[in-house]
């Protein structure tokens, strides 16, 4: 057998052994039932499913996503910056940030960011 086939067999055997050991060690007990239940957005799944919830949670989540997308657009540019025109990038980022700030100001003026009624 050639070396590549031997390495493949060894890797298959090692990964099988690791998976078997992991499945043996990860046996869950019934005591941890509370930990294994789903918990999402502060709702307890064992009670009523149709309880009213606050839209403040979703407002914070949407604002986070908007600014997170902005950061995800800006960070990779540092790698491309040396090969491109800096004036073009500064103009693009200035426009993006101004649009976000105008939208944030508009939401603020409409009262959407108020926590109390």
PDB file of N, CA and C in Angstrom:
ATOM      1  N   UNK A   1       0.838  -1.183   0.000  1.00  0.00           N
ATOM      2  CA  UNK A   1       0.000   0.000   0.000  1.00  0.00           C
ATOM      3  C   UNK A   1       0.877   1.238   0.000  1.00  0.00           C
ATOM      4  N   UNK A   2       0.350   2.249  -0.638  1.00  0.00           N
ATOM      5  CA  UNK A   2       1.154   3.474  -0.659  1.00  0.00           C
ATOM      6  C   UNK A   2       0.895   4.304   0.603  1.00  0.00           C
ATOM      7  N   UNK A   3       1.691   5.328   0.770  1.00  0.00           N
ATOM      8  CA  UNK A   3       1.665   6.144   1.983  1.00  0.00           C
ATOM      9  C   UNK A   3       0.341   6.890   2.149  1.00  0.00           C
ATOM     10  N   UNK A   4      -0.250   7.352   1.050  1.00  0.00           N
ATOM     11  CA  UNK A   4      -1.505   8.107   1.117  1.00  0.00           C
ATOM     12  C   UNK A   4      -2.643   7.222   1.620  1.00  0.00           C
ATOM     13  N   UNK A   5      -2.687   5.984   1.180  1.00  0.00           N
ATOM     14  CA  UNK A   5      -3.719   5.058   1.637  1.00  0.00           C
ATOM     15  C   UNK A   5      -3.551   4.757   3.119  1.00  0.00           C
ATOM     16  N   UNK A   6      -2.337   4.572   3.561  1.00  0.00           N
ATOM     17  CA  UNK A   6      -2.071   4.308   4.981  1.00  0.00           C
ATOM     18  C   UNK A   6      -2.494   5.487   5.850  1.00  0.00           C
ATOM     19  N   UNK A   7      -2.185   6.690   5.390  1.00  0.00           N
ATOM     20  CA  UNK A   7      -2.577   7.878   6.158  1.00  0.00           C
ATOM     21  C   UNK A   7      -4.091   7.985   6.228  1.00  0.00           C
ATOM     22  N   UNK A   8      -4.776   7.682   5.145  1.00  0.00           N
ATOM     23  CA  UNK A   8      -6.239   7.728   5.136  1.00  0.00           C
ATOM     24  C   UNK A   8      -6.839   6.735   6.114  1.00  0.00           C
ATOM     25  N   UNK A   9      -6.278   5.513   6.149  1.00  0.00           N
ATOM     26  CA  UNK A   9      -6.773   4.492   7.072  1.00  0.00           C
ATOM     27  C   UNK A   9      -6.531   4.916   8.521  1.00  0.00           C
ATOM     28  N   UNK A  10      -5.347   5.443   8.801  1.00  0.00           N
ATOM     29  CA  UNK A  10      -5.019   5.883  10.161  1.00  0.00           C
ATOM     30  C   UNK A  10      -5.927   7.028  10.595  1.00  0.00           C
ATOM     31  N   UNK A  11      -6.173   7.981   9.701  1.00  0.00           N
ATOM     32  CA  UNK A  11      -7.050   9.104  10.030  1.00  0.00           C
ATOM     33  C   UNK A  11      -8.475   8.616  10.279  1.00  0.00           C
ATOM     34  N   UNK A  12      -8.955   7.670   9.477  1.00  0.00           N
ATOM     35  CA  UNK A  12     -10.301   7.131   9.669  1.00  0.00           C
ATOM     36  C   UNK A  12     -10.416   6.412  11.007  1.00  0.00           C
ATOM     37  N   UNK A  13      -9.392   5.630  11.365  1.00  0.00           N
ATOM     38  CA  UNK A  13      -9.419   4.902  12.638  1.00  0.00           C
ATOM     39  C   UNK A  13      -9.372   5.872  13.813  1.00  0.00           C
ATOM     40  N   UNK A  14      -8.496   6.876  13.741  1.00  0.00           N
ATOM     41  CA  UNK A  14      -8.396   7.856  14.831  1.00  0.00           C
ATOM     42  C   UNK A  14      -9.682   8.654  15.001  1.00  0.00           C
ATOM     43  N   UNK A  15     -10.275   9.087  13.899  1.00  0.00           N
ATOM     44  CA  UNK A  15     -11.514   9.861  14.021  1.00  0.00           C
ATOM     45  C   UNK A  15     -12.660   9.009  14.557  1.00  0.00           C
ATOM     46  N   UNK A  16     -12.705   7.732  14.198  1.00  0.00           N
ATOM     47  CA  UNK A  16     -13.718   6.828  14.742  1.00  0.00           C
ATOM     48  C   UNK A  16     -13.530   6.649  16.239  1.00  0.00           C
ATOM     49  N   UNK A  17     -12.292   6.473  16.676  1.00  0.00           N
ATOM     50  CA  UNK A  17     -12.010   6.322  18.107  1.00  0.00           C
ATOM     51  C   UNK A  17     -12.398   7.583  18.866  1.00  0.00           C
ATOM     52  N   UNK A  18     -12.062   8.735  18.325  1.00  0.00           N
ATOM     53  CA  UNK A  18     -12.398  10.003  18.997  1.00  0.00           C
ATOM     54  C   UNK A  18     -13.905  10.187  19.086  1.00  0.00           C
ATOM     55  N   UNK A  19     -14.642   9.854  18.030  1.00  0.00           N
ATOM     56  CA  UNK A  19     -16.100   9.974  18.073  1.00  0.00           C
ATOM     57  C   UNK A  19     -16.718   9.024  19.086  1.00  0.00           C
ATOM     58  N   UNK A  20     -16.186   7.809  19.189  1.00  0.00           N
ATOM     59  CA  UNK A  20     -16.713   6.848  20.153  1.00  0.00           C
ATOM     60  C   UNK A  20     -16.451   7.305  21.588  1.00  0.00           C
ATOM     61  N   UNK A  21     -15.256   7.804  21.847  1.00  0.00           N
ATOM     62  CA  UNK A  21     -14.928   8.295  23.189  1.00  0.00           C
ATOM     63  C   UNK A  21     -15.804   9.499  23.544  1.00  0.00           C
ATOM     64  N   UNK A  22     -16.011  10.389  22.597  1.00  0.00           N
ATOM     65  CA  UNK A  22     -16.845  11.564  22.852  1.00  0.00           C
ATOM     66  C   UNK A  22     -18.283  11.169  23.132  1.00  0.00           C
ATOM     67  N   UNK A  23     -18.823  10.197  22.408  1.00  0.00           N
ATOM     68  CA  UNK A  23     -20.206   9.788  22.652  1.00  0.00           C
ATOM     69  C   UNK A  23     -20.353   9.073  23.989  1.00  0.00           C
ATOM     70  N   UNK A  24     -19.332   8.367  24.414  1.00  0.00           N
ATOM     71  CA  UNK A  24     -19.388   7.704  25.717  1.00  0.00           C
ATOM     72  C   UNK A  24     -19.310   8.731  26.841  1.00  0.00           C
ATOM     73  N   UNK A  25     -18.449   9.712  26.714  1.00  0.00           N
ATOM     74  CA  UNK A  25     -18.261  10.707  27.770  1.00  0.00           C
ATOM     75  C   UNK A  25     -19.390  11.734  27.839  1.00  0.00           C
ATOM     76  N   UNK A  26     -20.178  11.874  26.785  1.00  0.00           N
ATOM     77  CA  UNK A  26     -21.190  12.923  26.770  1.00  0.00           C
ATOM     78  C   UNK A  26     -22.583  12.419  27.131  1.00  0.00           C
ATOM     79  N   UNK A  27     -22.666  11.363  27.903  1.00  0.00           N
ATOM     80  CA  UNK A  27     -23.964  10.844  28.328  1.00  0.00           C
ATOM     81  C   UNK A  27     -24.592  11.862  29.270  1.00  0.00           C
ATOM     82  N   UNK A  28     -25.809  12.271  28.931  1.00  0.00           N
ATOM     83  CA  UNK A  28     -26.497  13.270  29.750  1.00  0.00           C
ATOM     84  C   UNK A  28     -27.427  12.569  30.728  1.00  0.00           C
ATOM     85  N   UNK A  29     -27.529  13.136  31.899  1.00  0.00           N
ATOM     86  CA  UNK A  29     -28.417  12.559  32.898  1.00  0.00           C
ATOM     87  C   UNK A  29     -29.766  13.258  32.866  1.00  0.00           C
ATOM     88  N   UNK A  30     -30.733  12.640  33.494  1.00  0.00           N
ATOM     89  CA  UNK A  30     -32.074  13.219  33.547  1.00  0.00           C
ATOM     90  C   UNK A  30     -32.083  14.414  34.497  1.00  0.00           C
ATOM     91  N   UNK A  31     -31.107  14.515  35.366  1.00  0.00           N
ATOM     92  CA  UNK A  31     -31.038  15.634  36.312  1.00  0.00           C
ATOM     93  C   UNK A  31     -30.893  16.952  35.567  1.00  0.00           C
ATOM     94  N   UNK A  32     -30.225  16.957  34.410  1.00  0.00           N
ATOM     95  CA  UNK A  32     -29.985  18.169  33.647  1.00  0.00           C
ATOM     96  C   UNK A  32     -31.136  18.501  32.691  1.00  0.00           C
ATOM     97  N   UNK A  33     -32.337  18.069  33.003  1.00  0.00           N
ATOM     98  CA  UNK A  33     -33.474  18.305  32.107  1.00  0.00           C
ATOM     99  C   UNK A  33     -33.745  19.790  31.904  1.00  0.00           C
ATOM    100  N   UNK A  34     -33.626  20.576  32.970  1.00  0.00           N
ATOM    101  CA  UNK A  34     -33.869  22.018  32.869  1.00  0.00           C
ATOM    102  C   UNK A  34     -32.856  22.680  31.949  1.00  0.00           C
ATOM    103  N   UNK A  35     -31.623  22.222  31.991  1.00  0.00           N
ATOM    104  CA  UNK A  35     -30.588  22.832  31.159  1.00  0.00           C
ATOM    105  C   UNK A  35     -30.779  22.512  29.686  1.00  0.00           C
ATOM    106  N   UNK A  36     -31.395  21.392  29.387  1.00  0.00           N
ATOM    107  CA  UNK A  36     -31.544  21.003  27.991  1.00  0.00           C
ATOM    108  C   UNK A  36     -32.828  21.524  27.350  1.00  0.00           C
ATOM    109  N   UNK A  37     -33.652  22.238  28.096  1.00  0.00           N
ATOM    110  CA  UNK A  37     -34.872  22.800  27.515  1.00  0.00           C
ATOM    111  C   UNK A  37     -34.532  24.067  26.744  1.00  0.00           C
ATOM    112  N   UNK A  38     -35.278  24.365  25.708  1.00  0.00           N
ATOM    113  CA  UNK A  38     -34.999  25.579  24.935  1.00  0.00           C
ATOM    114  C   UNK A  38     -35.373  26.823  25.722  1.00  0.00           C
ATOM    115  N   UNK A  39     -34.561  27.832  25.589  1.00  0.00           N
ATOM    116  CA  UNK A  39     -34.809  29.114  26.242  1.00  0.00           C
ATOM    117  C   UNK A  39     -34.518  30.191  25.220  1.00  0.00           C
ATOM    118  N   UNK A  40     -35.551  30.895  24.817  1.00  0.00           N
ATOM    119  CA  UNK A  40     -35.381  31.854  23.740  1.00  0.00           C
ATOM    120  C   UNK A  40     -36.068  33.163  24.090  1.00  0.00           C
ATOM    121  N   UNK A  41     -35.378  34.244  23.994  1.00  0.00           N
ATOM    122  CA  UNK A  41     -35.930  35.593  24.164  1.00  0.00           C
ATOM    123  C   UNK A  41     -36.593  35.790  25.523  1.00  0.00           C
ATOM    124  N   UNK A  42     -36.169  35.060  26.519  1.00  0.00           N
ATOM    125  CA  UNK A  42     -36.725  35.251  27.848  1.00  0.00           C
ATOM    126  C   UNK A  42     -38.052  34.565  28.072  1.00  0.00           C
ATOM    127  N   UNK A  43     -38.507  33.723  27.172  1.00  0.00           N
ATOM    128  CA  UNK A  43     -39.778  33.026  27.321  1.00  0.00           C
ATOM    129  C   UNK A  43     -39.535  31.637  27.887  1.00  0.00           C
ATOM    130  N   UNK A  44     -40.370  31.243  28.829  1.00  0.00           N
ATOM    131  CA  UNK A  44     -40.296  29.901  29.383  1.00  0.00           C
ATOM    132  C   UNK A  44     -41.195  28.994  28.550  1.00  0.00           C
ATOM    133  N   UNK A  45     -40.665  27.934  27.933  1.00  0.00           N
ATOM    134  CA  UNK A  45     -41.473  27.112  27.030  1.00  0.00           C
ATOM    135  C   UNK A  45     -42.518  26.241  27.724  1.00  0.00           C
ATOM    136  N   UNK A  46     -42.505  26.168  29.069  1.00  0.00           N
ATOM    137  CA  UNK A  46     -43.450  25.314  29.777  1.00  0.00           C
ATOM    138  C   UNK A  46     -44.762  26.029  30.108  1.00  0.00           C
ATOM    139  N   UNK A  47     -44.855  27.305  29.817  1.00  0.00           N
ATOM    140  CA  UNK A  47     -46.070  28.049  30.122  1.00  0.00           C
ATOM    141  C   UNK A  47     -46.749  28.467  28.827  1.00  0.00           C
ATOM    142  N   UNK A  48     -47.674  29.410  28.923  1.00  0.00           N
ATOM    143  CA  UNK A  48     -48.444  29.824  27.756  1.00  0.00           C
ATOM    144  C   UNK A  48     -47.549  30.324  26.635  1.00  0.00           C
ATOM    145  N   UNK A  49     -47.867  29.931  25.416  1.00  0.00           N
ATOM    146  CA  UNK A  49     -47.065  30.334  24.270  1.00  0.00           C
ATOM    147  C   UNK A  49     -47.521  31.670  23.709  1.00  0.00           C
ATOM    148  N   UNK A  50     -48.703  32.109  24.044  1.00  0.00           N
ATOM    149  CA  UNK A  50     -49.276  33.331  23.459  1.00  0.00           C
ATOM    150  C   UNK A  50     -49.244  34.518  24.408  1.00  0.00           C
ATOM    151  N   UNK A  51     -48.226  34.621  25.231  1.00  0.00           N
ATOM    152  CA  UNK A  51     -48.150  35.762  26.134  1.00  0.00           C
ATOM    153  C   UNK A  51     -47.634  36.982  25.376  1.00  0.00           C
ATOM    154  N   UNK A  52     -48.109  38.169  25.723  1.00  0.00           N
ATOM    155  CA  UNK A  52     -47.621  39.371  25.037  1.00  0.00           C
ATOM    156  C   UNK A  52     -46.170  39.652  25.399  1.00  0.00           C
ATOM    157  N   UNK A  53     -45.453  40.225  24.463  1.00  0.00           N
ATOM    158  CA  UNK A  53     -44.040  40.521  24.698  1.00  0.00           C
ATOM    159  C   UNK A  53     -43.773  41.965  24.308  1.00  0.00           C
ATOM    160  N   UNK A  54     -42.665  42.469  24.768  1.00  0.00           N
ATOM    161  CA  UNK A  54     -42.293  43.851  24.510  1.00  0.00           C
ATOM    162  C   UNK A  54     -41.543  43.962  23.186  1.00  0.00           C
ATOM    163  N   UNK A  55     -41.850  44.988  22.426  1.00  0.00           N
ATOM    164  CA  UNK A  55     -41.152  45.207  21.165  1.00  0.00           C
ATOM    165  C   UNK A  55     -39.785  45.853  21.369  1.00  0.00           C
ATOM    166  N   UNK A  56     -39.464  46.229  22.589  1.00  0.00           N
ATOM    167  CA  UNK A  56     -38.157  46.828  22.867  1.00  0.00           C
ATOM    168  C   UNK A  56     -37.025  45.860  22.545  1.00  0.00           C
ATOM    169  N   UNK A  57     -37.262  44.587  22.826  1.00  0.00           N
ATOM    170  CA  UNK A  57     -36.247  43.579  22.516  1.00  0.00           C
ATOM    171  C   UNK A  57     -35.941  43.579  21.023  1.00  0.00           C
ATOM    172  N   UNK A  58     -36.973  43.612  20.197  1.00  0.00           N
ATOM    173  CA  UNK A  58     -36.779  43.575  18.758  1.00  0.00           C
ATOM    174  C   UNK A  58     -36.166  44.872  18.239  1.00  0.00           C
ATOM    175  N   UNK A  59     -36.488  45.997  18.870  1.00  0.00           N
ATOM    176  CA  UNK A  59     -35.892  47.269  18.482  1.00  0.00           C
ATOM    177  C   UNK A  59     -34.385  47.242  18.711  1.00  0.00           C
ATOM    178  N   UNK A  60     -33.962  46.756  19.861  1.00  0.00           N
ATOM    179  CA  UNK A  60     -32.534  46.657  20.154  1.00  0.00           C
ATOM    180  C   UNK A  60     -31.857  45.687  19.185  1.00  0.00           C
ATOM    181  N   UNK A  61     -32.528  44.581  18.870  1.00  0.00           N
ATOM    182  CA  UNK A  61     -31.951  43.603  17.953  1.00  0.00           C
ATOM    183  C   UNK A  61     -31.777  44.180  16.551  1.00  0.00           C
ATOM    184  N   UNK A  62     -32.749  44.933  16.068  1.00  0.00           N
ATOM    185  CA  UNK A  62     -32.658  45.527  14.727  1.00  0.00           C
ATOM    186  C   UNK A  62     -31.557  46.583  14.682  1.00  0.00           C
ATOM    187  N   UNK A  63     -31.466  47.418  15.706  1.00  0.00           N
ATOM    188  CA  UNK A  63     -30.404  48.428  15.739  1.00  0.00           C
ATOM    189  C   UNK A  63     -29.035  47.750  15.777  1.00  0.00           C
ATOM    190  N   UNK A  64     -28.918  46.685  16.557  1.00  0.00           N
ATOM    191  CA  UNK A  64     -27.655  45.941  16.608  1.00  0.00           C
ATOM    192  C   UNK A  64     -27.306  45.383  15.231  1.00  0.00           C
ATOM    193  N   UNK A  65     -28.286  44.798  14.541  1.00  0.00           N
ATOM    194  CA  UNK A  65     -28.019  44.226  13.225  1.00  0.00           C
ATOM    195  C   UNK A  65     -27.588  45.283  12.223  1.00  0.00           C
ATOM    196  N   UNK A  66     -28.223  46.440  12.262  1.00  0.00           N
ATOM    197  CA  UNK A  66     -27.862  47.506  11.323  1.00  0.00           C
ATOM    198  C   UNK A  66     -26.411  47.928  11.522  1.00  0.00           C
ATOM    199  N   UNK A  67     -26.017  48.176  12.770  1.00  0.00           N
ATOM    200  CA  UNK A  67     -24.649  48.611  13.008  1.00  0.00           C
ATOM    201  C   UNK A  67     -23.654  47.466  12.876  1.00  0.00           C
ATOM    202  N   UNK A  68     -24.100  46.240  13.088  1.00  0.00           N
ATOM    203  CA  UNK A  68     -23.226  45.096  12.890  1.00  0.00           C
ATOM    204  C   UNK A  68     -22.922  44.900  11.407  1.00  0.00           C
ATOM    205  N   UNK A  69     -23.899  45.100  10.558  1.00  0.00           N
ATOM    206  CA  UNK A  69     -23.677  45.000   9.108  1.00  0.00           C
ATOM    207  C   UNK A  69     -22.717  46.091   8.655  1.00  0.00           C
ATOM    208  N   UNK A  70     -22.855  47.271   9.226  1.00  0.00           N
ATOM    209  CA  UNK A  70     -21.939  48.359   8.869  1.00  0.00           C
ATOM    210  C   UNK A  70     -20.501  47.984   9.223  1.00  0.00           C
ATOM    211  N   UNK A  71     -20.297  47.422  10.385  1.00  0.00           N
ATOM    212  CA  UNK A  71     -18.952  47.027  10.795  1.00  0.00           C
ATOM    213  C   UNK A  71     -18.436  45.901   9.906  1.00  0.00           C
ATOM    214  N   UNK A  72     -19.314  44.967   9.544  1.00  0.00           N
ATOM    215  CA  UNK A  72     -18.900  43.869   8.675  1.00  0.00           C
ATOM    216  C   UNK A  72     -18.521  44.373   7.285  1.00  0.00           C
ATOM    217  N   UNK A  73     -19.080  45.496   6.861  1.00  0.00           N
ATOM    218  CA  UNK A  73     -18.699  46.067   5.562  1.00  0.00           C
ATOM    219  C   UNK A  73     -17.389  46.835   5.652  1.00  0.00           C
ATOM    220  N   UNK A  74     -17.145  47.491   6.762  1.00  0.00           N
ATOM    221  CA  UNK A  74     -15.974  48.356   6.880  1.00  0.00           C
ATOM    222  C   UNK A  74     -14.692  47.568   7.183  1.00  0.00           C
ATOM    223  N   UNK A  75     -14.759  46.557   8.027  1.00  0.00           N
ATOM    224  CA  UNK A  75     -13.543  45.870   8.455  1.00  0.00           C
ATOM    225  C   UNK A  75     -12.746  45.200   7.331  1.00  0.00           C
ATOM    226  N   UNK A  76     -13.366  44.499   6.379  1.00  0.00           N
ATOM    227  CA  UNK A  76     -12.557  43.865   5.334  1.00  0.00           C
ATOM    228  C   UNK A  76     -11.861  44.851   4.399  1.00  0.00           C
ATOM    229  N   UNK A  77     -12.280  46.098   4.408  1.00  0.00           N
ATOM    230  CA  UNK A  77     -11.703  47.083   3.501  1.00  0.00           C
ATOM    231  C   UNK A  77     -10.234  47.360   3.837  1.00  0.00           C
ATOM    232  N   UNK A  78      -9.843  47.138   5.070  1.00  0.00           N
ATOM    233  CA  UNK A  78      -8.458  47.401   5.465  1.00  0.00           C
ATOM    234  C   UNK A  78      -7.471  46.556   4.664  1.00  0.00           C
ATOM    235  N   UNK A  79      -7.904  45.394   4.213  1.00  0.00           N
ATOM    236  CA  UNK A  79      -7.014  44.542   3.430  1.00  0.00           C
ATOM    237  C   UNK A  79      -6.915  45.021   1.985  1.00  0.00           C
ATOM    238  N   UNK A  80      -7.946  45.680   1.486  1.00  0.00           N
ATOM    239  CA  UNK A  80      -7.975  46.123   0.093  1.00  0.00           C
ATOM    240  C   UNK A  80      -7.467  47.562  -0.032  1.00  0.00           C
ATOM    241  N   UNK A  81      -7.380  48.253   1.082  1.00  0.00           N
ATOM    242  CA  UNK A  81      -7.040  49.677   1.084  1.00  0.00           C
ATOM    243  C   UNK A  81      -5.736  50.009   0.355  1.00  0.00           C
ATOM    244  N   UNK A  82      -4.655  49.255   0.505  1.00  0.00           N
ATOM    245  CA  UNK A  82      -3.414  49.636  -0.178  1.00  0.00           C
ATOM    246  C   UNK A  82      -3.501  49.596  -1.708  1.00  0.00           C
ATOM    247  N   UNK A  83      -4.351  48.743  -2.257  1.00  0.00           N
ATOM    248  CA  UNK A  83      -4.445  48.630  -3.716  1.00  0.00           C
ATOM    249  C   UNK A  83      -5.502  49.535  -4.330  1.00  0.00           C
ATOM    250  N   UNK A  84      -6.215  50.298  -3.535  1.00  0.00           N
ATOM    251  CA  UNK A  84      -7.311  51.100  -4.077  1.00  0.00           C
ATOM    252  C   UNK A  84      -7.127  52.576  -3.742  1.00  0.00           C
ATOM    253  N   UNK A  85      -8.038  53.366  -4.276  1.00  0.00           N
ATOM    254  CA  UNK A  85      -7.994  54.811  -4.085  1.00  0.00           C
ATOM    255  C   UNK A  85      -8.614  55.163  -2.727  1.00  0.00           C
ATOM    256  N   UNK A  86      -7.837  55.765  -1.814  1.00  0.00           N
ATOM    257  CA  UNK A  86      -8.379  56.087  -0.488  1.00  0.00           C
ATOM    258  C   UNK A  86      -9.504  57.112  -0.520  1.00  0.00           C
ATOM    259  N   UNK A  87      -9.470  58.017  -1.471  1.00  0.00           N
ATOM    260  CA  UNK A  87     -10.523  59.023  -1.553  1.00  0.00           C
ATOM    261  C   UNK A  87     -11.871  58.375  -1.869  1.00  0.00           C
ATOM    262  N   UNK A  88     -11.839  57.388  -2.725  1.00  0.00           N
ATOM    263  CA  UNK A  88     -13.075  56.685  -3.083  1.00  0.00           C
ATOM    264  C   UNK A  88     -13.666  55.942  -1.883  1.00  0.00           C
ATOM    265  N   UNK A  89     -12.787  55.287  -1.104  1.00  0.00           N
ATOM    266  CA  UNK A  89     -13.275  54.566   0.070  1.00  0.00           C
ATOM    267  C   UNK A  89     -13.799  55.517   1.133  1.00  0.00           C
ATOM    268  N   UNK A  90     -13.098  56.617   1.344  1.00  0.00           N
ATOM    269  CA  UNK A  90     -13.564  57.580   2.348  1.00  0.00           C
ATOM    270  C   UNK A  90     -14.920  58.160   1.962  1.00  0.00           C
ATOM    271  N   UNK A  91     -15.104  58.422   0.676  1.00  0.00           N
ATOM    272  CA  UNK A  91     -16.388  58.939   0.214  1.00  0.00           C
ATOM    273  C   UNK A  91     -17.490  57.897   0.436  1.00  0.00           C
ATOM    274  N   UNK A  92     -17.212  56.655   0.102  1.00  0.00           N
ATOM    275  CA  UNK A  92     -18.206  55.594   0.271  1.00  0.00           C
ATOM    276  C   UNK A  92     -18.567  55.418   1.741  1.00  0.00           C
ATOM    277  N   UNK A  93     -17.568  55.360   2.608  1.00  0.00           N
ATOM    278  CA  UNK A  93     -17.847  55.170   4.025  1.00  0.00           C
ATOM    279  C   UNK A  93     -18.542  56.374   4.636  1.00  0.00           C
ATOM    280  N   UNK A  94     -18.180  57.549   4.192  1.00  0.00           N
ATOM    281  CA  UNK A  94     -18.853  58.738   4.695  1.00  0.00           C
ATOM    282  C   UNK A  94     -20.326  58.705   4.325  1.00  0.00           C
ATOM    283  N   UNK A  95     -20.640  58.317   3.102  1.00  0.00           N
ATOM    284  CA  UNK A  95     -22.037  58.233   2.675  1.00  0.00           C
ATOM    285  C   UNK A  95     -22.784  57.182   3.501  1.00  0.00           C
ATOM    286  N   UNK A  96     -22.177  56.009   3.709  1.00  0.00           N
ATOM    287  CA  UNK A  96     -22.830  54.948   4.480  1.00  0.00           C
ATOM    288  C   UNK A  96     -23.080  55.394   5.910  1.00  0.00           C
ATOM    289  N   UNK A  97     -22.094  55.994   6.538  1.00  0.00           N
ATOM    290  CA  UNK A  97     -22.247  56.420   7.925  1.00  0.00           C
ATOM    291  C   UNK A  97     -23.251  57.557   8.042  1.00  0.00           C
ATOM    292  N   UNK A  98     -23.259  58.482   7.084  1.00  0.00           N
ATOM    293  CA  UNK A  98     -24.243  59.570   7.110  1.00  0.00           C
ATOM    294  C   UNK A  98     -25.660  59.014   6.957  1.00  0.00           C
ATOM    295  N   UNK A  99     -25.854  58.033   6.072  1.00  0.00           N
ATOM    296  CA  UNK A  99     -27.174  57.415   5.919  1.00  0.00           C
ATOM    297  C   UNK A  99     -27.613  56.760   7.222  1.00  0.00           C
ATOM    298  N   UNK A 100     -26.707  56.041   7.886  1.00  0.00           N
ATOM    299  CA  UNK A 100     -27.044  55.414   9.159  1.00  0.00           C
ATOM    300  C   UNK A 100     -27.365  56.443  10.238  1.00  0.00           C
ATOM    301  N   UNK A 101     -26.589  57.502  10.303  1.00  0.00           N
ATOM    302  CA  UNK A 101     -26.835  58.534  11.309  1.00  0.00           C
ATOM    303  C   UNK A 101     -28.134  59.282  11.049  1.00  0.00           C
ATOM    304  N   UNK A 102     -28.447  59.550   9.774  1.00  0.00           N
ATOM    305  CA  UNK A 102     -29.724  60.210   9.449  1.00  0.00           C
ATOM    306  C   UNK A 102     -30.890  59.297   9.823  1.00  0.00           C
ATOM    307  N   UNK A 103     -30.767  57.994   9.554  1.00  0.00           N
ATOM    308  CA  UNK A 103     -31.809  57.052   9.941  1.00  0.00           C
ATOM    309  C   UNK A 103     -31.967  56.960  11.444  1.00  0.00           C
ATOM    310  N   UNK A 104     -30.859  56.966  12.164  1.00  0.00           N
ATOM    311  CA  UNK A 104     -30.914  56.933  13.621  1.00  0.00           C
ATOM    312  C   UNK A 104     -31.563  58.200  14.171  1.00  0.00           C
ATOM    313  N   UNK A 105     -31.201  59.342  13.612  1.00  0.00           N
ATOM    314  CA  UNK A 105     -31.808  60.608  14.034  1.00  0.00           C
ATOM    315  C   UNK A 105     -33.311  60.614  13.753  1.00  0.00           C
ATOM    316  N   UNK A 106     -33.714  60.084  12.591  1.00  0.00           N
ATOM    317  CA  UNK A 106     -35.132  60.013  12.242  1.00  0.00           C
ATOM    318  C   UNK A 106     -35.892  59.133  13.234  1.00  0.00           C
ATOM    319  N   UNK A 107     -35.320  57.977  13.570  1.00  0.00           N
ATOM    320  CA  UNK A 107     -35.955  57.092  14.545  1.00  0.00           C
ATOM    321  C   UNK A 107     -36.058  57.771  15.909  1.00  0.00           C
ATOM    322  N   UNK A 108     -35.044  58.504  16.275  1.00  0.00           N
ATOM    323  CA  UNK A 108     -35.030  59.209  17.542  1.00  0.00           C
ATOM    324  C   UNK A 108     -36.124  60.277  17.570  1.00  0.00           C
ATOM    325  N   UNK A 109     -36.243  61.033  16.475  1.00  0.00           N
ATOM    326  CA  UNK A 109     -37.256  62.078  16.401  1.00  0.00           C
ATOM    327  C   UNK A 109     -38.686  61.509  16.376  1.00  0.00           C
ATOM    328  N   UNK A 110     -38.870  60.349  15.810  1.00  0.00           N
ATOM    329  CA  UNK A 110     -40.201  59.721  15.757  1.00  0.00           C
ATOM    330  C   UNK A 110     -40.584  59.095  17.100  1.00  0.00           C
ATOM    331  N   UNK A 111     -39.626  58.974  18.007  1.00  0.00           N
ATOM    332  CA  UNK A 111     -39.912  58.402  19.328  1.00  0.00           C
ATOM    333  C   UNK A 111     -39.798  56.899  19.368  1.00  0.00           C
ATOM    334  N   UNK A 112     -39.239  56.296  18.345  1.00  0.00           N
ATOM    335  CA  UNK A 112     -39.120  54.841  18.319  1.00  0.00           C
ATOM    336  C   UNK A 112     -38.084  54.323  19.308  1.00  0.00           C
ATOM    337  N   UNK A 113     -37.170  55.158  19.727  1.00  0.00           N
ATOM    338  CA  UNK A 113     -36.126  54.723  20.648  1.00  0.00           C
ATOM    339  C   UNK A 113     -36.477  54.989  22.106  1.00  0.00           C
ATOM    340  N   UNK A 114     -37.675  55.481  22.368  1.00  0.00           N
ATOM    341  CA  UNK A 114     -38.111  55.751  23.750  1.00  0.00           C
ATOM    342  C   UNK A 114     -38.491  54.448  24.428  1.00  0.00           C
ATOM    343  N   UNK A 115     -38.017  54.246  25.644  1.00  0.00           N
ATOM    344  CA  UNK A 115     -38.308  53.014  26.370  1.00  0.00           C
ATOM    345  C   UNK A 115     -39.634  53.074  27.118  1.00  0.00           C
ATOM    346  N   UNK A 116     -40.132  54.276  27.375  1.00  0.00           N
ATOM    347  CA  UNK A 116     -41.429  54.395  28.060  1.00  0.00           C
ATOM    348  C   UNK A 116     -42.414  55.105  27.152  1.00  0.00           C
ATOM    349  N   UNK A 117     -43.686  54.852  27.402  1.00  0.00           N
ATOM    350  CA  UNK A 117     -44.727  55.446  26.541  1.00  0.00           C
ATOM    351  C   UNK A 117     -45.010  56.865  26.921  1.00  0.00           C
TER     352      UNK A 117
END
